[in-house]
Each structure stands twice: as structure tokens, then as C-alpha cells.
Amino acid sequence: MLVRLTRIEDVPLLPALERSAAQAFRQLPHLAWLADSDVMDETQHLAFVSEGCSWVAVDDQDQALGFLCASVADDALHIHELSVRQEAQGQGLGRRLLDQAFDAARHKGLAWLTLTTFDDVPWNAPFYQRYGFERLAVRQLDHRLQTIISSELAHGLTDRCAMRLAITCGL
């Protein structure tokens, strides 16, 4: 398994991959609606690709099994989406994609990896916490993260938290 920069020819495959990943939410009645909700479109993916902040995990036939897209925001690389195709979940692809984002942030001289996620979904905040991310209390949120959480709430996403990982920490 290889993690590499997302190529333009990968972009048309990523919305379907994200939809596949979202099927895991069907097992949670209060979030099952996410399995049928909108995903990022190709234009949004192309913006991450052009910024050099999108990576795919591929199999030995170079087929995308997962992706992570992020953007530089102040002194952080902010993860916007991490998705792994449903049938490839639980095989370490998410961790490998996080490793790539961590290395990219370190290479860019950034201080943090940040993200927002569901607080109580086992493959969300608890997964990131095991990786080394810390949950941020409301008083710790900077304006950028407050804005993201507020926007998510306005779109029906509740029980969200913001998390960060210091780039200087050893993994």
C-alpha cells in the first residue's frame, strides 16, 4: 500500500470513495442520514490538489482506497476530510494518510495538525485521540476553529469537537 499525492486523474473517483466511506454511519441511527448526504465535489477536490495538500492511499494497481485533503491555515495544516472506502476500513489506511499529513506539515514548518470531527463516533475523535490528537475545550478554540464548528452546526452536524496535534511531538 502506498500513499502519494493526489493526481488530477484521481479526482473523479474521490466523491464516490467519500460516499463509500460514509456508509459506516448507517450503523449509528442518529447519524445514518450522513450516508446519503452531499460529499465534496470535483472542484473542491481540485483546489486541494492544486494546493499540494491532497493524498491518496492506493492499492498495488494504483486504485484509490482512501484520501486525505487539507489546507494550510495560519500555523496549521487543517484536515478537511479523511475518507477510506468502506471495504478497506480497519486496515491502517487512515493512519497512513495521517502520517503523510503529519510529514507534510512538518516539511512546511507548521506547528499543528488540526481538524474537526464527531466527538462520540468511535472512528472519529477516539481514533484521532489514539493517534495523538488532543480535544480542544471551547476556550482553546481560535477564531478559525470556532468558525468551522459554527458552520458545521448550521449544517446539522452536532456533537462536534476540534482537535489538534503538535508537529513537534514524536510519533
N, C-alpha and C. Protein backbone atom coordinates (compact mmCIF):
# COMPACT_ATOMS: atom_id res chain seq x y z
N MET A 1 0.85 -1.17 0.00
CA MET A 1 0.00 0.00 0.00
C MET A 1 0.89 1.24 0.00
N LEU A 2 0.51 2.19 -0.81
CA LEU A 2 1.29 3.41 -1.00
C LEU A 2 0.40 4.62 -0.76
N VAL A 3 0.96 5.66 -0.16
CA VAL A 3 0.28 6.95 -0.06
C VAL A 3 1.06 7.91 -0.93
N ARG A 4 0.36 8.59 -1.81
CA ARG A 4 1.01 9.53 -2.74
C ARG A 4 0.14 10.76 -2.90
N LEU A 5 0.71 11.80 -3.49
CA LEU A 5 -0.07 12.98 -3.81
C LEU A 5 -1.20 12.61 -4.75
N THR A 6 -2.33 13.25 -4.55
CA THR A 6 -3.47 13.03 -5.44
C THR A 6 -3.16 13.63 -6.80
N ARG A 7 -3.46 12.89 -7.83
CA ARG A 7 -3.29 13.37 -9.21
C ARG A 7 -4.64 13.83 -9.75
N ILE A 8 -4.59 14.68 -10.75
CA ILE A 8 -5.83 15.18 -11.35
C ILE A 8 -6.72 14.03 -11.83
N GLU A 9 -6.12 12.98 -12.36
CA GLU A 9 -6.93 11.86 -12.85
C GLU A 9 -7.59 11.07 -11.71
N ASP A 10 -7.14 11.26 -10.45
CA ASP A 10 -7.78 10.61 -9.30
C ASP A 10 -9.06 11.32 -8.90
N VAL A 11 -9.14 12.60 -9.17
CA VAL A 11 -10.21 13.46 -8.65
C VAL A 11 -11.61 12.93 -8.96
N PRO A 12 -11.93 12.48 -10.17
CA PRO A 12 -13.29 12.00 -10.43
C PRO A 12 -13.70 10.80 -9.56
N LEU A 13 -12.74 10.08 -9.01
CA LEU A 13 -13.04 8.91 -8.19
C LEU A 13 -13.30 9.25 -6.73
N LEU A 14 -12.88 10.42 -6.28
CA LEU A 14 -12.91 10.73 -4.85
C LEU A 14 -14.31 10.94 -4.28
N PRO A 15 -15.25 11.57 -4.98
CA PRO A 15 -16.59 11.68 -4.40
C PRO A 15 -17.23 10.30 -4.11
N ALA A 16 -17.08 9.36 -5.00
CA ALA A 16 -17.64 8.02 -4.77
C ALA A 16 -16.92 7.33 -3.61
N LEU A 17 -15.64 7.55 -3.49
CA LEU A 17 -14.88 6.98 -2.38
C LEU A 17 -15.40 7.56 -1.06
N GLU A 18 -15.64 8.87 -1.02
CA GLU A 18 -16.17 9.51 0.20
C GLU A 18 -17.57 8.96 0.53
N ARG A 19 -18.41 8.76 -0.50
CA ARG A 19 -19.74 8.19 -0.27
C ARG A 19 -19.64 6.78 0.31
N SER A 20 -18.69 6.01 -0.20
CA SER A 20 -18.49 4.67 0.31
C SER A 20 -18.08 4.71 1.79
N ALA A 21 -17.15 5.59 2.11
CA ALA A 21 -16.70 5.72 3.50
C ALA A 21 -17.84 6.11 4.43
N ALA A 22 -18.72 6.97 3.95
CA ALA A 22 -19.83 7.46 4.77
C ALA A 22 -20.85 6.37 5.10
N GLN A 23 -20.82 5.25 4.40
CA GLN A 23 -21.77 4.18 4.68
C GLN A 23 -21.60 3.64 6.10
N ALA A 24 -20.44 3.83 6.69
CA ALA A 24 -20.23 3.39 8.08
C ALA A 24 -21.20 4.07 9.04
N PHE A 25 -21.67 5.27 8.68
CA PHE A 25 -22.59 5.98 9.56
C PHE A 25 -23.96 5.31 9.64
N ARG A 26 -24.27 4.41 8.73
CA ARG A 26 -25.57 3.71 8.77
C ARG A 26 -25.73 2.91 10.07
N GLN A 27 -24.63 2.52 10.68
CA GLN A 27 -24.72 1.75 11.92
C GLN A 27 -25.04 2.61 13.14
N LEU A 28 -25.09 3.92 12.97
CA LEU A 28 -25.43 4.84 14.06
C LEU A 28 -26.74 5.54 13.71
N PRO A 29 -27.85 5.13 14.30
CA PRO A 29 -29.15 5.67 13.90
C PRO A 29 -29.22 7.20 13.86
N HIS A 30 -28.60 7.87 14.81
CA HIS A 30 -28.69 9.33 14.85
C HIS A 30 -27.85 10.01 13.77
N LEU A 31 -26.95 9.27 13.13
CA LEU A 31 -26.11 9.83 12.06
C LEU A 31 -26.26 9.10 10.73
N ALA A 32 -27.19 8.17 10.64
CA ALA A 32 -27.37 7.39 9.41
C ALA A 32 -27.61 8.28 8.19
N TRP A 33 -28.22 9.43 8.38
CA TRP A 33 -28.50 10.36 7.29
C TRP A 33 -27.23 10.79 6.56
N LEU A 34 -26.09 10.74 7.25
CA LEU A 34 -24.83 11.14 6.61
C LEU A 34 -24.43 10.22 5.45
N ALA A 35 -24.90 8.99 5.48
CA ALA A 35 -24.57 8.04 4.41
C ALA A 35 -25.13 8.50 3.06
N ASP A 36 -26.17 9.34 3.10
CA ASP A 36 -26.79 9.82 1.87
C ASP A 36 -26.59 11.32 1.66
N SER A 37 -25.77 11.94 2.46
CA SER A 37 -25.59 13.40 2.36
C SER A 37 -24.57 13.75 1.27
N ASP A 38 -24.50 15.03 0.98
CA ASP A 38 -23.57 15.52 -0.04
C ASP A 38 -22.12 15.27 0.37
N VAL A 39 -21.29 15.09 -0.63
CA VAL A 39 -19.85 14.95 -0.43
C VAL A 39 -19.16 16.07 -1.22
N MET A 40 -17.87 16.19 -1.03
CA MET A 40 -17.14 17.21 -1.78
C MET A 40 -17.20 16.91 -3.27
N ASP A 41 -17.34 17.96 -4.05
CA ASP A 41 -17.38 17.76 -5.49
C ASP A 41 -15.96 17.85 -6.08
N GLU A 42 -15.86 17.58 -7.36
CA GLU A 42 -14.55 17.56 -8.02
C GLU A 42 -13.84 18.91 -7.95
N THR A 43 -14.60 20.00 -8.05
CA THR A 43 -14.00 21.34 -7.99
C THR A 43 -13.32 21.55 -6.64
N GLN A 44 -13.98 21.14 -5.58
CA GLN A 44 -13.38 21.28 -4.26
C GLN A 44 -12.12 20.43 -4.15
N HIS A 45 -12.18 19.21 -4.65
CA HIS A 45 -11.00 18.34 -4.63
C HIS A 45 -9.85 18.95 -5.42
N LEU A 46 -10.15 19.51 -6.58
CA LEU A 46 -9.10 20.11 -7.40
C LEU A 46 -8.39 21.25 -6.67
N ALA A 47 -9.11 22.00 -5.85
CA ALA A 47 -8.49 23.08 -5.08
C ALA A 47 -7.46 22.50 -4.11
N PHE A 48 -7.77 21.40 -3.45
CA PHE A 48 -6.80 20.77 -2.54
C PHE A 48 -5.61 20.21 -3.30
N VAL A 49 -5.89 19.63 -4.46
CA VAL A 49 -4.81 19.09 -5.30
C VAL A 49 -3.87 20.21 -5.73
N SER A 50 -4.44 21.34 -6.17
CA SER A 50 -3.60 22.44 -6.64
C SER A 50 -2.78 23.04 -5.51
N GLU A 51 -3.26 22.94 -4.28
CA GLU A 51 -2.51 23.43 -3.13
C GLU A 51 -1.42 22.44 -2.70
N GLY A 52 -1.46 21.23 -3.26
CA GLY A 52 -0.48 20.21 -2.88
C GLY A 52 -0.79 19.59 -1.53
N CYS A 53 -2.06 19.63 -1.14
CA CYS A 53 -2.47 19.13 0.18
C CYS A 53 -3.55 18.07 0.08
N SER A 54 -3.41 17.18 -0.88
CA SER A 54 -4.34 16.07 -1.04
C SER A 54 -3.52 14.83 -1.35
N TRP A 55 -3.82 13.75 -0.61
CA TRP A 55 -3.09 12.50 -0.79
C TRP A 55 -4.08 11.35 -0.90
N VAL A 56 -3.69 10.34 -1.63
CA VAL A 56 -4.49 9.13 -1.75
C VAL A 56 -3.67 7.93 -1.30
N ALA A 57 -4.37 6.99 -0.68
CA ALA A 57 -3.79 5.69 -0.38
C ALA A 57 -4.26 4.78 -1.50
N VAL A 58 -3.32 4.10 -2.14
CA VAL A 58 -3.66 3.28 -3.31
C VAL A 58 -3.21 1.84 -3.09
N ASP A 59 -3.89 0.94 -3.79
CA ASP A 59 -3.51 -0.47 -3.76
C ASP A 59 -2.41 -0.74 -4.77
N ASP A 60 -2.07 -2.01 -4.96
CA ASP A 60 -0.96 -2.33 -5.88
C ASP A 60 -1.32 -2.14 -7.35
N GLN A 61 -2.59 -1.86 -7.66
CA GLN A 61 -2.99 -1.49 -9.02
C GLN A 61 -3.18 0.02 -9.16
N ASP A 62 -2.72 0.77 -8.16
CA ASP A 62 -2.81 2.23 -8.12
C ASP A 62 -4.25 2.73 -8.08
N GLN A 63 -5.16 1.92 -7.48
CA GLN A 63 -6.55 2.31 -7.30
C GLN A 63 -6.71 2.97 -5.94
N ALA A 64 -7.34 4.13 -5.90
CA ALA A 64 -7.52 4.87 -4.66
C ALA A 64 -8.45 4.13 -3.70
N LEU A 65 -7.97 3.94 -2.49
CA LEU A 65 -8.76 3.30 -1.43
C LEU A 65 -9.13 4.29 -0.34
N GLY A 66 -8.42 5.39 -0.28
CA GLY A 66 -8.67 6.41 0.74
C GLY A 66 -8.01 7.70 0.34
N PHE A 67 -8.45 8.79 0.95
CA PHE A 67 -7.82 10.08 0.68
C PHE A 67 -7.87 10.96 1.92
N LEU A 68 -6.99 11.92 1.94
CA LEU A 68 -6.99 12.97 2.95
C LEU A 68 -6.75 14.27 2.21
N CYS A 69 -7.56 15.27 2.50
CA CYS A 69 -7.33 16.59 1.92
C CYS A 69 -7.28 17.61 3.04
N ALA A 70 -6.39 18.56 2.87
CA ALA A 70 -6.11 19.54 3.91
C ALA A 70 -5.77 20.88 3.27
N SER A 71 -5.62 21.88 4.12
CA SER A 71 -5.15 23.18 3.65
C SER A 71 -4.35 23.84 4.75
N VAL A 72 -3.45 24.71 4.34
CA VAL A 72 -2.65 25.46 5.30
C VAL A 72 -3.49 26.62 5.80
N ALA A 73 -3.56 26.75 7.11
CA ALA A 73 -4.31 27.83 7.74
C ALA A 73 -3.47 28.34 8.91
N ASP A 74 -2.95 29.54 8.77
CA ASP A 74 -2.08 30.12 9.79
C ASP A 74 -0.89 29.19 10.02
N ASP A 75 -0.72 28.69 11.24
CA ASP A 75 0.42 27.83 11.55
C ASP A 75 0.04 26.35 11.61
N ALA A 76 -1.07 26.01 10.91
CA ALA A 76 -1.57 24.63 10.96
C ALA A 76 -1.86 24.09 9.57
N LEU A 77 -1.78 22.79 9.47
CA LEU A 77 -2.33 22.08 8.32
C LEU A 77 -3.67 21.55 8.82
N HIS A 78 -4.75 22.07 8.26
CA HIS A 78 -6.08 21.69 8.71
C HIS A 78 -6.63 20.58 7.81
N ILE A 79 -6.97 19.47 8.42
CA ILE A 79 -7.53 18.33 7.70
C ILE A 79 -9.02 18.58 7.49
N HIS A 80 -9.42 18.65 6.22
CA HIS A 80 -10.83 18.85 5.89
C HIS A 80 -11.58 17.54 5.77
N GLU A 81 -10.93 16.53 5.25
CA GLU A 81 -11.61 15.25 5.06
C GLU A 81 -10.60 14.12 5.04
N LEU A 82 -10.93 13.06 5.74
CA LEU A 82 -10.19 11.80 5.68
C LEU A 82 -11.24 10.73 5.45
N SER A 83 -11.17 10.07 4.31
CA SER A 83 -12.14 9.03 3.96
C SER A 83 -11.42 7.80 3.45
N VAL A 84 -11.92 6.64 3.89
CA VAL A 84 -11.40 5.36 3.43
C VAL A 84 -12.58 4.54 2.93
N ARG A 85 -12.46 4.03 1.71
CA ARG A 85 -13.51 3.21 1.11
C ARG A 85 -13.96 2.16 2.12
N GLN A 86 -15.27 1.92 2.17
CA GLN A 86 -15.85 1.07 3.20
C GLN A 86 -15.15 -0.30 3.32
N GLU A 87 -14.91 -0.95 2.21
CA GLU A 87 -14.32 -2.29 2.28
C GLU A 87 -12.83 -2.28 2.66
N ALA A 88 -12.20 -1.11 2.69
CA ALA A 88 -10.79 -1.01 3.06
C ALA A 88 -10.61 -0.45 4.47
N GLN A 89 -11.70 -0.16 5.17
CA GLN A 89 -11.60 0.39 6.51
C GLN A 89 -11.04 -0.65 7.48
N GLY A 90 -10.33 -0.16 8.50
CA GLY A 90 -9.77 -1.04 9.51
C GLY A 90 -8.46 -1.70 9.13
N GLN A 91 -7.83 -1.24 8.05
CA GLN A 91 -6.58 -1.83 7.59
C GLN A 91 -5.38 -0.90 7.75
N GLY A 92 -5.56 0.20 8.48
CA GLY A 92 -4.45 1.11 8.72
C GLY A 92 -4.29 2.23 7.70
N LEU A 93 -5.21 2.33 6.74
CA LEU A 93 -5.08 3.37 5.71
C LEU A 93 -5.24 4.77 6.30
N GLY A 94 -6.17 4.94 7.23
CA GLY A 94 -6.36 6.24 7.86
C GLY A 94 -5.10 6.70 8.57
N ARG A 95 -4.48 5.80 9.29
CA ARG A 95 -3.23 6.12 9.99
C ARG A 95 -2.12 6.49 8.99
N ARG A 96 -2.03 5.76 7.91
CA ARG A 96 -1.00 6.05 6.89
C ARG A 96 -1.23 7.43 6.27
N LEU A 97 -2.49 7.77 6.03
CA LEU A 97 -2.81 9.09 5.48
C LEU A 97 -2.47 10.19 6.49
N LEU A 98 -2.76 9.94 7.77
CA LEU A 98 -2.39 10.90 8.81
C LEU A 98 -0.88 11.07 8.89
N ASP A 99 -0.15 9.96 8.76
CA ASP A 99 1.32 10.04 8.76
C ASP A 99 1.79 10.97 7.65
N GLN A 100 1.19 10.86 6.48
CA GLN A 100 1.56 11.70 5.34
C GLN A 100 1.27 13.17 5.63
N ALA A 101 0.10 13.45 6.20
CA ALA A 101 -0.26 14.84 6.54
C ALA A 101 0.70 15.39 7.60
N PHE A 102 1.03 14.58 8.57
CA PHE A 102 1.97 14.99 9.62
C PHE A 102 3.33 15.35 9.00
N ASP A 103 3.83 14.47 8.13
CA ASP A 103 5.11 14.73 7.47
C ASP A 103 5.06 15.99 6.61
N ALA A 104 3.95 16.20 5.91
CA ALA A 104 3.81 17.38 5.08
C ALA A 104 3.80 18.65 5.94
N ALA A 105 3.08 18.61 7.05
CA ALA A 105 3.04 19.77 7.95
C ALA A 105 4.42 20.07 8.51
N ARG A 106 5.13 19.03 8.90
CA ARG A 106 6.50 19.22 9.42
C ARG A 106 7.38 19.82 8.33
N HIS A 107 7.28 19.31 7.12
CA HIS A 107 8.10 19.81 6.00
C HIS A 107 7.79 21.28 5.70
N LYS A 108 6.52 21.68 5.88
CA LYS A 108 6.13 23.07 5.64
C LYS A 108 6.48 23.98 6.82
N GLY A 109 7.01 23.42 7.90
CA GLY A 109 7.37 24.21 9.07
C GLY A 109 6.18 24.65 9.90
N LEU A 110 5.08 23.91 9.83
CA LEU A 110 3.87 24.27 10.57
C LEU A 110 3.93 23.71 11.99
N ALA A 111 3.16 24.30 12.87
CA ALA A 111 3.18 23.90 14.28
C ALA A 111 2.16 22.83 14.62
N TRP A 112 1.05 22.77 13.85
CA TRP A 112 -0.07 21.91 14.23
C TRP A 112 -0.71 21.20 13.04
N LEU A 113 -1.32 20.07 13.34
CA LEU A 113 -2.36 19.49 12.50
C LEU A 113 -3.65 19.78 13.25
N THR A 114 -4.68 20.25 12.56
CA THR A 114 -5.97 20.47 13.20
C THR A 114 -7.07 19.80 12.39
N LEU A 115 -8.20 19.60 13.03
CA LEU A 115 -9.36 19.02 12.37
C LEU A 115 -10.57 19.22 13.25
N THR A 116 -11.74 19.00 12.69
CA THR A 116 -12.97 18.89 13.46
C THR A 116 -13.59 17.55 13.12
N THR A 117 -14.29 16.97 14.09
CA THR A 117 -14.81 15.63 13.92
C THR A 117 -15.93 15.37 14.91
N PHE A 118 -16.58 14.24 14.78
CA PHE A 118 -17.60 13.86 15.75
C PHE A 118 -16.93 13.40 17.03
N ASP A 119 -17.42 13.93 18.14
CA ASP A 119 -16.84 13.66 19.44
C ASP A 119 -17.02 12.21 19.89
N ASP A 120 -18.17 11.62 19.58
CA ASP A 120 -18.51 10.32 20.15
C ASP A 120 -18.53 9.16 19.16
N VAL A 121 -18.17 9.39 17.92
CA VAL A 121 -18.16 8.31 16.92
C VAL A 121 -16.82 7.57 17.03
N PRO A 122 -16.83 6.25 17.25
CA PRO A 122 -15.59 5.52 17.52
C PRO A 122 -14.47 5.72 16.48
N TRP A 123 -14.84 5.85 15.20
CA TRP A 123 -13.81 6.02 14.18
C TRP A 123 -13.52 7.49 13.89
N ASN A 124 -13.99 8.37 14.75
CA ASN A 124 -13.71 9.80 14.64
C ASN A 124 -12.84 10.22 15.81
N ALA A 125 -13.32 11.03 16.74
CA ALA A 125 -12.45 11.58 17.79
C ALA A 125 -11.63 10.51 18.53
N PRO A 126 -12.20 9.38 18.93
CA PRO A 126 -11.37 8.38 19.61
C PRO A 126 -10.21 7.88 18.74
N PHE A 127 -10.45 7.72 17.44
CA PHE A 127 -9.38 7.32 16.52
C PHE A 127 -8.27 8.35 16.50
N TYR A 128 -8.64 9.62 16.35
CA TYR A 128 -7.63 10.69 16.30
C TYR A 128 -6.91 10.83 17.64
N GLN A 129 -7.63 10.61 18.73
CA GLN A 129 -7.01 10.70 20.04
C GLN A 129 -5.96 9.60 20.20
N ARG A 130 -6.25 8.41 19.73
CA ARG A 130 -5.25 7.33 19.78
C ARG A 130 -4.02 7.69 18.95
N TYR A 131 -4.21 8.45 17.89
CA TYR A 131 -3.10 8.87 17.05
C TYR A 131 -2.23 9.92 17.76
N GLY A 132 -2.82 10.64 18.72
CA GLY A 132 -2.07 11.65 19.46
C GLY A 132 -2.72 13.03 19.48
N PHE A 133 -3.83 13.19 18.76
CA PHE A 133 -4.54 14.47 18.77
C PHE A 133 -5.15 14.70 20.14
N GLU A 134 -5.25 15.97 20.53
CA GLU A 134 -5.94 16.33 21.76
C GLU A 134 -7.22 17.08 21.42
N ARG A 135 -8.27 16.78 22.19
CA ARG A 135 -9.53 17.53 22.05
C ARG A 135 -9.31 18.91 22.62
N LEU A 136 -9.84 19.91 21.96
CA LEU A 136 -9.73 21.28 22.43
C LEU A 136 -11.01 21.70 23.13
N ALA A 137 -10.87 22.28 24.30
CA ALA A 137 -12.01 22.86 25.00
C ALA A 137 -12.45 24.10 24.24
N VAL A 138 -13.69 24.50 24.41
CA VAL A 138 -14.22 25.66 23.70
C VAL A 138 -13.32 26.88 23.91
N ARG A 139 -12.83 27.08 25.12
CA ARG A 139 -11.98 28.25 25.41
C ARG A 139 -10.63 28.20 24.69
N GLN A 140 -10.25 27.02 24.18
CA GLN A 140 -8.98 26.88 23.46
C GLN A 140 -9.12 27.11 21.96
N LEU A 141 -10.33 27.23 21.46
CA LEU A 141 -10.55 27.35 20.03
C LEU A 141 -10.16 28.75 19.55
N ASP A 142 -9.37 28.79 18.49
CA ASP A 142 -9.09 30.08 17.87
C ASP A 142 -10.27 30.45 16.97
N HIS A 143 -10.23 31.63 16.41
CA HIS A 143 -11.35 32.12 15.60
C HIS A 143 -11.65 31.17 14.44
N ARG A 144 -10.62 30.68 13.79
CA ARG A 144 -10.80 29.77 12.63
C ARG A 144 -11.56 28.53 13.03
N LEU A 145 -11.15 27.87 14.11
CA LEU A 145 -11.82 26.64 14.53
C LEU A 145 -13.23 26.92 15.06
N GLN A 146 -13.43 28.05 15.73
CA GLN A 146 -14.78 28.44 16.17
C GLN A 146 -15.70 28.60 14.96
N THR A 147 -15.19 29.22 13.91
CA THR A 147 -15.98 29.43 12.70
C THR A 147 -16.34 28.11 12.04
N ILE A 148 -15.40 27.19 11.98
CA ILE A 148 -15.67 25.88 11.38
C ILE A 148 -16.74 25.13 12.17
N ILE A 149 -16.59 25.08 13.48
CA ILE A 149 -17.57 24.38 14.33
C ILE A 149 -18.95 25.02 14.18
N SER A 150 -19.01 26.35 14.15
CA SER A 150 -20.29 27.05 13.98
C SER A 150 -20.93 26.72 12.63
N SER A 151 -20.13 26.68 11.59
CA SER A 151 -20.63 26.35 10.25
C SER A 151 -21.15 24.91 10.22
N GLU A 152 -20.44 24.01 10.84
CA GLU A 152 -20.89 22.61 10.88
C GLU A 152 -22.22 22.49 11.63
N LEU A 153 -22.34 23.20 12.72
CA LEU A 153 -23.59 23.19 13.48
C LEU A 153 -24.74 23.72 12.63
N ALA A 154 -24.48 24.77 11.87
CA ALA A 154 -25.52 25.34 11.00
C ALA A 154 -25.95 24.35 9.91
N HIS A 155 -25.08 23.39 9.58
CA HIS A 155 -25.40 22.38 8.57
C HIS A 155 -25.91 21.08 9.19
N GLY A 156 -26.28 21.13 10.46
CA GLY A 156 -26.89 19.98 11.10
C GLY A 156 -25.93 19.02 11.77
N LEU A 157 -24.66 19.36 11.82
CA LEU A 157 -23.67 18.49 12.45
C LEU A 157 -23.51 18.89 13.92
N THR A 158 -23.97 18.03 14.82
CA THR A 158 -23.87 18.29 16.25
C THR A 158 -22.84 17.34 16.86
N ASP A 159 -22.56 17.53 18.12
CA ASP A 159 -21.58 16.70 18.83
C ASP A 159 -20.22 16.70 18.15
N ARG A 160 -19.82 17.88 17.70
CA ARG A 160 -18.53 18.03 17.02
C ARG A 160 -17.48 18.55 18.01
N CYS A 161 -16.25 18.24 17.73
CA CYS A 161 -15.16 18.79 18.52
C CYS A 161 -14.02 19.16 17.58
N ALA A 162 -13.18 20.05 18.05
CA ALA A 162 -11.96 20.40 17.32
C ALA A 162 -10.80 19.71 18.03
N MET A 163 -9.83 19.30 17.24
CA MET A 163 -8.67 18.60 17.78
C MET A 163 -7.41 19.15 17.12
N ARG A 164 -6.29 18.96 17.83
CA ARG A 164 -5.01 19.36 17.25
C ARG A 164 -3.92 18.42 17.70
N LEU A 165 -2.88 18.41 16.91
CA LEU A 165 -1.70 17.59 17.18
C LEU A 165 -0.49 18.47 16.94
N ALA A 166 0.36 18.57 17.93
CA ALA A 166 1.58 19.36 17.78
C ALA A 166 2.54 18.63 16.85
N ILE A 167 3.09 19.34 15.90
CA ILE A 167 4.01 18.75 14.93
C ILE A 167 5.33 18.38 15.61
N THR A 168 5.67 19.06 16.67
CA THR A 168 6.95 18.80 17.36
C THR A 168 6.92 17.53 18.18
N CYS A 169 5.71 16.95 18.40
CA CYS A 169 5.66 15.75 19.22
C CYS A 169 6.22 14.56 18.44
N GLY A 170 6.73 13.61 19.15
CA GLY A 170 7.25 12.40 18.50
C GLY A 170 6.16 11.37 18.35
N LEU A 171 6.06 10.78 17.19
CA LEU A 171 5.07 9.71 16.99
C LEU A 171 5.80 8.39 16.88
